Amino acid sequence: MTTITASVVNKLRQMTGAGMMDCKKALQEAEGDIDAAIDILRKSGAAKAAKRADRDAAEGLSIAKSSADNTYGIVV
């Protein structure tokens, strides 16, 4: 088993934006290979997104506004 250092976990985290524990688990599964760990994180992220895809946003509000000449707009 490959030893995973905090610096490697931090490097992967900075590259992907994933959480520390997710990065550590991905690196352990990939045996320290950063490229393989990125692929693992992508697959797990897709699986997590698929689980949440059927959820409806029951609360919230979105507002869109554009300028009079429609050259710019904003969504809040």
PDB file of N, CA and C in Angstrom:
ATOM      1  N   MET A   1       0.843  -1.181   0.000  1.00  0.00           N
ATOM      2  CA  MET A   1       0.000   0.000   0.000  1.00  0.00           C
ATOM      3  C   MET A   1       0.885   1.240   0.000  1.00  0.00           C
ATOM      4  N   THR A   2       0.532   2.200  -0.823  1.00  0.00           N
ATOM      5  CA  THR A   2       1.290   3.434  -0.957  1.00  0.00           C
ATOM      6  C   THR A   2       0.926   4.397   0.166  1.00  0.00           C
ATOM      7  N   THR A   3       1.945   5.049   0.723  1.00  0.00           N
ATOM      8  CA  THR A   3       1.707   6.049   1.754  1.00  0.00           C
ATOM      9  C   THR A   3       1.254   7.345   1.088  1.00  0.00           C
ATOM     10  N   ILE A   4       0.140   7.860   1.553  1.00  0.00           N
ATOM     11  CA  ILE A   4      -0.428   9.090   1.007  1.00  0.00           C
ATOM     12  C   ILE A   4      -0.096  10.229   1.964  1.00  0.00           C
ATOM     13  N   THR A   5       0.672  11.210   1.491  1.00  0.00           N
ATOM     14  CA  THR A   5       1.048  12.337   2.345  1.00  0.00           C
ATOM     15  C   THR A   5       0.011  13.456   2.233  1.00  0.00           C
ATOM     16  N   ALA A   6       0.016  14.316   3.224  1.00  0.00           N
ATOM     17  CA  ALA A   6      -0.919  15.441   3.240  1.00  0.00           C
ATOM     18  C   ALA A   6      -0.663  16.389   2.074  1.00  0.00           C
ATOM     19  N   SER A   7       0.586  16.521   1.663  1.00  0.00           N
ATOM     20  CA  SER A   7       0.895  17.431   0.555  1.00  0.00           C
ATOM     21  C   SER A   7       0.309  16.918  -0.763  1.00  0.00           C
ATOM     22  N   VAL A   8       0.314  15.602  -0.953  1.00  0.00           N
ATOM     23  CA  VAL A   8      -0.269  15.024  -2.169  1.00  0.00           C
ATOM     24  C   VAL A   8      -1.786  15.196  -2.149  1.00  0.00           C
ATOM     25  N   VAL A   9      -2.388  14.974  -0.980  1.00  0.00           N
ATOM     26  CA  VAL A   9      -3.836  15.165  -0.837  1.00  0.00           C
ATOM     27  C   VAL A   9      -4.191  16.620  -1.116  1.00  0.00           C
ATOM     28  N   ASN A  10      -3.403  17.538  -0.577  1.00  0.00           N
ATOM     29  CA  ASN A  10      -3.656  18.965  -0.789  1.00  0.00           C
ATOM     30  C   ASN A  10      -3.503  19.341  -2.264  1.00  0.00           C
ATOM     31  N   LYS A  11      -2.508  18.776  -2.932  1.00  0.00           N
ATOM     32  CA  LYS A  11      -2.305  19.054  -4.355  1.00  0.00           C
ATOM     33  C   LYS A  11      -3.515  18.596  -5.168  1.00  0.00           C
ATOM     34  N   LEU A  12      -4.013  17.389  -4.873  1.00  0.00           N
ATOM     35  CA  LEU A  12      -5.189  16.871  -5.573  1.00  0.00           C
ATOM     36  C   LEU A  12      -6.412  17.731  -5.267  1.00  0.00           C
ATOM     37  N   ARG A  13      -6.521  18.153  -4.037  1.00  0.00           N
ATOM     38  CA  ARG A  13      -7.655  18.993  -3.626  1.00  0.00           C
ATOM     39  C   ARG A  13      -7.642  20.324  -4.367  1.00  0.00           C
ATOM     40  N   GLN A  14      -6.465  20.921  -4.520  1.00  0.00           N
ATOM     41  CA  GLN A  14      -6.353  22.187  -5.246  1.00  0.00           C
ATOM     42  C   GLN A  14      -6.668  22.004  -6.726  1.00  0.00           C
ATOM     43  N   MET A  15      -6.328  20.854  -7.269  1.00  0.00           N
ATOM     44  CA  MET A  15      -6.580  20.590  -8.682  1.00  0.00           C
ATOM     45  C   MET A  15      -8.060  20.342  -8.962  1.00  0.00           C
ATOM     46  N   THR A  16      -8.756  19.716  -8.007  1.00  0.00           N
ATOM     47  CA  THR A  16     -10.125  19.281  -8.258  1.00  0.00           C
ATOM     48  C   THR A  16     -11.188  20.053  -7.496  1.00  0.00           C
ATOM     49  N   GLY A  17     -10.827  20.639  -6.364  1.00  0.00           N
ATOM     50  CA  GLY A  17     -11.816  21.308  -5.534  1.00  0.00           C
ATOM     51  C   GLY A  17     -12.629  20.351  -4.677  1.00  0.00           C
ATOM     52  N   ALA A  18     -12.264  19.084  -4.667  1.00  0.00           N
ATOM     53  CA  ALA A  18     -12.975  18.085  -3.868  1.00  0.00           C
ATOM     54  C   ALA A  18     -12.551  18.192  -2.406  1.00  0.00           C
ATOM     55  N   GLY A  19     -13.304  17.563  -1.527  1.00  0.00           N
ATOM     56  CA  GLY A  19     -12.998  17.579  -0.104  1.00  0.00           C
ATOM     57  C   GLY A  19     -11.755  16.771   0.226  1.00  0.00           C
ATOM     58  N   MET A  20     -11.180  17.056   1.391  1.00  0.00           N
ATOM     59  CA  MET A  20      -9.942  16.379   1.806  1.00  0.00           C
ATOM     60  C   MET A  20     -10.121  14.866   1.890  1.00  0.00           C
ATOM     61  N   MET A  21     -11.186  14.423   2.541  1.00  0.00           N
ATOM     62  CA  MET A  21     -11.382  12.983   2.717  1.00  0.00           C
ATOM     63  C   MET A  21     -11.686  12.300   1.391  1.00  0.00           C
ATOM     64  N   ASP A  22     -12.431  12.963   0.507  1.00  0.00           N
ATOM     65  CA  ASP A  22     -12.694  12.398  -0.816  1.00  0.00           C
ATOM     66  C   ASP A  22     -11.394  12.244  -1.596  1.00  0.00           C
ATOM     67  N   CYS A  23     -10.517  13.245  -1.503  1.00  0.00           N
ATOM     68  CA  CYS A  23      -9.223  13.177  -2.185  1.00  0.00           C
ATOM     69  C   CYS A  23      -8.366  12.059  -1.616  1.00  0.00           C
ATOM     70  N   LYS A  24      -8.360  11.934  -0.296  1.00  0.00           N
ATOM     71  CA  LYS A  24      -7.550  10.893   0.336  1.00  0.00           C
ATOM     72  C   LYS A  24      -8.045   9.508  -0.062  1.00  0.00           C
ATOM     73  N   LYS A  25      -9.356   9.307  -0.052  1.00  0.00           N
ATOM     74  CA  LYS A  25      -9.916   8.007  -0.440  1.00  0.00           C
ATOM     75  C   LYS A  25      -9.614   7.694  -1.897  1.00  0.00           C
ATOM     76  N   ALA A  26      -9.721   8.701  -2.765  1.00  0.00           N
ATOM     77  CA  ALA A  26      -9.435   8.496  -4.183  1.00  0.00           C
ATOM     78  C   ALA A  26      -7.966   8.153  -4.398  1.00  0.00           C
ATOM     79  N   LEU A  27      -7.074   8.822  -3.678  1.00  0.00           N
ATOM     80  CA  LEU A  27      -5.643   8.521  -3.797  1.00  0.00           C
ATOM     81  C   LEU A  27      -5.321   7.128  -3.277  1.00  0.00           C
ATOM     82  N   GLN A  28      -5.973   6.717  -2.200  1.00  0.00           N
ATOM     83  CA  GLN A  28      -5.749   5.370  -1.684  1.00  0.00           C
ATOM     84  C   GLN A  28      -6.230   4.329  -2.682  1.00  0.00           C
ATOM     85  N   GLU A  29      -7.385   4.575  -3.277  1.00  0.00           N
ATOM     86  CA  GLU A  29      -7.923   3.641  -4.267  1.00  0.00           C
ATOM     87  C   GLU A  29      -7.044   3.593  -5.514  1.00  0.00           C
ATOM     88  N   ALA A  30      -6.453   4.744  -5.874  1.00  0.00           N
ATOM     89  CA  ALA A  30      -5.600   4.836  -7.056  1.00  0.00           C
ATOM     90  C   ALA A  30      -4.148   4.503  -6.746  1.00  0.00           C
ATOM     91  N   GLU A  31      -3.868   4.124  -5.508  1.00  0.00           N
ATOM     92  CA  GLU A  31      -2.515   3.764  -5.066  1.00  0.00           C
ATOM     93  C   GLU A  31      -1.521   4.900  -5.306  1.00  0.00           C
ATOM     94  N   GLY A  32      -1.967   6.136  -5.037  1.00  0.00           N
ATOM     95  CA  GLY A  32      -1.079   7.286  -5.121  1.00  0.00           C
ATOM     96  C   GLY A  32      -0.993   7.962  -6.470  1.00  0.00           C
ATOM     97  N   ASP A  33      -1.634   7.416  -7.494  1.00  0.00           N
ATOM     98  CA  ASP A  33      -1.594   7.997  -8.837  1.00  0.00           C
ATOM     99  C   ASP A  33      -2.608   9.141  -8.929  1.00  0.00           C
ATOM    100  N   ILE A  34      -2.108  10.363  -9.112  1.00  0.00           N
ATOM    101  CA  ILE A  34      -2.985  11.540  -9.116  1.00  0.00           C
ATOM    102  C   ILE A  34      -3.953  11.513 -10.292  1.00  0.00           C
ATOM    103  N   ASP A  35      -3.485  11.133 -11.483  1.00  0.00           N
ATOM    104  CA  ASP A  35      -4.372  11.108 -12.649  1.00  0.00           C
ATOM    105  C   ASP A  35      -5.509  10.108 -12.465  1.00  0.00           C
ATOM    106  N   ALA A  36      -5.186   8.936 -11.929  1.00  0.00           N
ATOM    107  CA  ALA A  36      -6.228   7.938 -11.667  1.00  0.00           C
ATOM    108  C   ALA A  36      -7.176   8.422 -10.579  1.00  0.00           C
ATOM    109  N   ALA A  37      -6.649   9.125  -9.590  1.00  0.00           N
ATOM    110  CA  ALA A  37      -7.486   9.660  -8.514  1.00  0.00           C
ATOM    111  C   ALA A  37      -8.458  10.706  -9.051  1.00  0.00           C
ATOM    112  N   ILE A  38      -8.011  11.512 -10.005  1.00  0.00           N
ATOM    113  CA  ILE A  38      -8.906  12.500 -10.623  1.00  0.00           C
ATOM    114  C   ILE A  38     -10.049  11.793 -11.338  1.00  0.00           C
ATOM    115  N   ASP A  39      -9.738  10.718 -12.063  1.00  0.00           N
ATOM    116  CA  ASP A  39     -10.788   9.947 -12.735  1.00  0.00           C
ATOM    117  C   ASP A  39     -11.767   9.355 -11.730  1.00  0.00           C
ATOM    118  N   ILE A  40     -11.252   8.852 -10.622  1.00  0.00           N
ATOM    119  CA  ILE A  40     -12.107   8.283  -9.575  1.00  0.00           C
ATOM    120  C   ILE A  40     -13.019   9.357  -9.005  1.00  0.00           C
ATOM    121  N   LEU A  41     -12.469  10.540  -8.749  1.00  0.00           N
ATOM    122  CA  LEU A  41     -13.282  11.638  -8.224  1.00  0.00           C
ATOM    123  C   LEU A  41     -14.358  12.060  -9.218  1.00  0.00           C
ATOM    124  N   ARG A  42     -14.031  12.069 -10.501  1.00  0.00           N
ATOM    125  CA  ARG A  42     -15.029  12.424 -11.520  1.00  0.00           C
ATOM    126  C   ARG A  42     -16.165  11.411 -11.533  1.00  0.00           C
ATOM    127  N   LYS A  43     -15.813  10.132 -11.474  1.00  0.00           N
ATOM    128  CA  LYS A  43     -16.843   9.087 -11.486  1.00  0.00           C
ATOM    129  C   LYS A  43     -17.707   9.154 -10.240  1.00  0.00           C
ATOM    130  N   SER A  44     -17.095   9.380  -9.087  1.00  0.00           N
ATOM    131  CA  SER A  44     -17.882   9.452  -7.855  1.00  0.00           C
ATOM    132  C   SER A  44     -18.744  10.713  -7.845  1.00  0.00           C
ATOM    133  N   GLY A  45     -18.243  11.792  -8.414  1.00  0.00           N
ATOM    134  CA  GLY A  45     -19.032  13.020  -8.518  1.00  0.00           C
ATOM    135  C   GLY A  45     -20.234  12.839  -9.425  1.00  0.00           C
ATOM    136  N   ALA A  46     -20.052  12.106 -10.520  1.00  0.00           N
ATOM    137  CA  ALA A  46     -21.169  11.832 -11.423  1.00  0.00           C
ATOM    138  C   ALA A  46     -22.208  10.954 -10.739  1.00  0.00           C
ATOM    139  N   ALA A  47     -21.737  10.002  -9.934  1.00  0.00           N
ATOM    140  CA  ALA A  47     -22.664   9.129  -9.210  1.00  0.00           C
ATOM    141  C   ALA A  47     -23.452   9.924  -8.173  1.00  0.00           C
ATOM    142  N   LYS A  48     -22.778  10.834  -7.467  1.00  0.00           N
ATOM    143  CA  LYS A  48     -23.469  11.664  -6.475  1.00  0.00           C
ATOM    144  C   LYS A  48     -24.483  12.576  -7.152  1.00  0.00           C
ATOM    145  N   ALA A  49     -24.121  13.139  -8.289  1.00  0.00           N
ATOM    146  CA  ALA A  49     -25.037  14.026  -9.010  1.00  0.00           C
ATOM    147  C   ALA A  49     -26.245  13.257  -9.526  1.00  0.00           C
ATOM    148  N   ALA A  50     -26.034  12.023  -9.971  1.00  0.00           N
ATOM    149  CA  ALA A  50     -27.144  11.212 -10.465  1.00  0.00           C
ATOM    150  C   ALA A  50     -28.137  10.901  -9.355  1.00  0.00           C
ATOM    151  N   LYS A  51     -27.633  10.693  -8.135  1.00  0.00           N
ATOM    152  CA  LYS A  51     -28.523  10.419  -7.003  1.00  0.00           C
ATOM    153  C   LYS A  51     -29.400  11.624  -6.689  1.00  0.00           C
ATOM    154  N   ARG A  52     -28.894  12.811  -6.919  1.00  0.00           N
ATOM    155  CA  ARG A  52     -29.618  14.030  -6.564  1.00  0.00           C
ATOM    156  C   ARG A  52     -30.391  14.624  -7.739  1.00  0.00           C
ATOM    157  N   ALA A  53     -30.303  14.025  -8.906  1.00  0.00           N
ATOM    158  CA  ALA A  53     -30.911  14.596 -10.101  1.00  0.00           C
ATOM    159  C   ALA A  53     -32.430  14.661 -10.023  1.00  0.00           C
ATOM    160  N   ASP A  54     -33.043  13.750  -9.298  1.00  0.00           N
ATOM    161  CA  ASP A  54     -34.500  13.720  -9.253  1.00  0.00           C
ATOM    162  C   ASP A  54     -35.086  14.637  -8.184  1.00  0.00           C
ATOM    163  N   ARG A  55     -34.264  15.320  -7.442  1.00  0.00           N
ATOM    164  CA  ARG A  55     -34.759  16.228  -6.409  1.00  0.00           C
ATOM    165  C   ARG A  55     -35.265  17.525  -7.030  1.00  0.00           C
ATOM    166  N   ASP A  56     -36.369  18.020  -6.484  1.00  0.00           N
ATOM    167  CA  ASP A  56     -36.916  19.295  -6.929  1.00  0.00           C
ATOM    168  C   ASP A  56     -36.519  20.393  -5.955  1.00  0.00           C
ATOM    169  N   ALA A  57     -36.295  21.565  -6.477  1.00  0.00           N
ATOM    170  CA  ALA A  57     -36.049  22.727  -5.624  1.00  0.00           C
ATOM    171  C   ALA A  57     -37.414  23.309  -5.268  1.00  0.00           C
ATOM    172  N   ALA A  58     -37.883  23.015  -4.062  1.00  0.00           N
ATOM    173  CA  ALA A  58     -39.221  23.433  -3.653  1.00  0.00           C
ATOM    174  C   ALA A  58     -39.244  24.864  -3.130  1.00  0.00           C
ATOM    175  N   GLU A  59     -38.107  25.379  -2.730  1.00  0.00           N
ATOM    176  CA  GLU A  59     -38.051  26.728  -2.188  1.00  0.00           C
ATOM    177  C   GLU A  59     -36.955  27.508  -2.891  1.00  0.00           C
ATOM    178  N   GLY A  60     -37.113  28.805  -2.904  1.00  0.00           N
ATOM    179  CA  GLY A  60     -36.087  29.651  -3.490  1.00  0.00           C
ATOM    180  C   GLY A  60     -36.683  30.633  -4.475  1.00  0.00           C
ATOM    181  N   LEU A  61     -35.851  31.536  -4.921  1.00  0.00           N
ATOM    182  CA  LEU A  61     -36.304  32.593  -5.809  1.00  0.00           C
ATOM    183  C   LEU A  61     -35.151  33.000  -6.717  1.00  0.00           C
ATOM    184  N   SER A  62     -35.442  33.175  -7.983  1.00  0.00           N
ATOM    185  CA  SER A  62     -34.460  33.681  -8.942  1.00  0.00           C
ATOM    186  C   SER A  62     -35.037  34.918  -9.604  1.00  0.00           C
ATOM    187  N   ILE A  63     -34.213  35.921  -9.770  1.00  0.00           N
ATOM    188  CA  ILE A  63     -34.643  37.164 -10.403  1.00  0.00           C
ATOM    189  C   ILE A  63     -33.658  37.489 -11.522  1.00  0.00           C
ATOM    190  N   ALA A  64     -34.177  37.833 -12.692  1.00  0.00           N
ATOM    191  CA  ALA A  64     -33.342  38.229 -13.822  1.00  0.00           C
ATOM    192  C   ALA A  64     -33.700  39.655 -14.219  1.00  0.00           C
ATOM    193  N   LYS A  65     -32.695  40.445 -14.532  1.00  0.00           N
ATOM    194  CA  LYS A  65     -32.904  41.845 -14.915  1.00  0.00           C
ATOM    195  C   LYS A  65     -31.902  42.188 -16.010  1.00  0.00           C
ATOM    196  N   SER A  66     -32.371  42.880 -17.030  1.00  0.00           N
ATOM    197  CA  SER A  66     -31.459  43.323 -18.083  1.00  0.00           C
ATOM    198  C   SER A  66     -31.528  44.837 -18.208  1.00  0.00           C
ATOM    199  N   SER A  67     -30.504  45.404 -18.810  1.00  0.00           N
ATOM    200  CA  SER A  67     -30.471  46.856 -18.996  1.00  0.00           C
ATOM    201  C   SER A  67     -31.495  47.254 -20.063  1.00  0.00           C
ATOM    202  N   ALA A  68     -31.800  48.530 -20.132  1.00  0.00           N
ATOM    203  CA  ALA A  68     -32.797  49.021 -21.085  1.00  0.00           C
ATOM    204  C   ALA A  68     -32.412  48.716 -22.527  1.00  0.00           C
ATOM    205  N   ASP A  69     -31.116  48.764 -22.831  1.00  0.00           N
ATOM    206  CA  ASP A  69     -30.674  48.484 -24.195  1.00  0.00           C
ATOM    207  C   ASP A  69     -30.225  47.032 -24.383  1.00  0.00           C
ATOM    208  N   ASN A  70     -30.459  46.204 -23.374  1.00  0.00           N
ATOM    209  CA  ASN A  70     -30.139  44.770 -23.410  1.00  0.00           C
ATOM    210  C   ASN A  70     -28.672  44.478 -23.696  1.00  0.00           C
ATOM    211  N   THR A  71     -27.775  45.328 -23.231  1.00  0.00           N
ATOM    212  CA  THR A  71     -26.350  45.075 -23.422  1.00  0.00           C
ATOM    213  C   THR A  71     -25.761  44.256 -22.285  1.00  0.00           C
ATOM    214  N   TYR A  72     -26.438  44.234 -21.143  1.00  0.00           N
ATOM    215  CA  TYR A  72     -25.975  43.411 -20.033  1.00  0.00           C
ATOM    216  C   TYR A  72     -27.169  43.014 -19.178  1.00  0.00           C
ATOM    217  N   GLY A  73     -26.983  41.982 -18.379  1.00  0.00           N
ATOM    218  CA  GLY A  73     -28.043  41.511 -17.502  1.00  0.00           C
ATOM    219  C   GLY A  73     -27.456  40.894 -16.254  1.00  0.00           C
ATOM    220  N   ILE A  74     -28.336  40.587 -15.309  1.00  0.00           N
ATOM    221  CA  ILE A  74     -27.912  39.992 -14.052  1.00  0.00           C
ATOM    222  C   ILE A  74     -28.978  38.999 -13.600  1.00  0.00           C
ATOM    223  N   VAL A  75     -28.540  37.911 -13.009  1.00  0.00           N
ATOM    224  CA  VAL A  75     -29.438  36.922 -12.421  1.00  0.00           C
ATOM    225  C   VAL A  75     -29.052  36.783 -10.964  1.00  0.00           C
ATOM    226  N   VAL A  76     -30.016  36.956 -10.076  1.00  0.00           N
ATOM    227  CA  VAL A  76     -29.772  36.860  -8.633  1.00  0.00           C
ATOM    228  C   VAL A  76     -30.584  35.721  -8.084  1.00  0.00           C
TER     229      VAL A  76
END
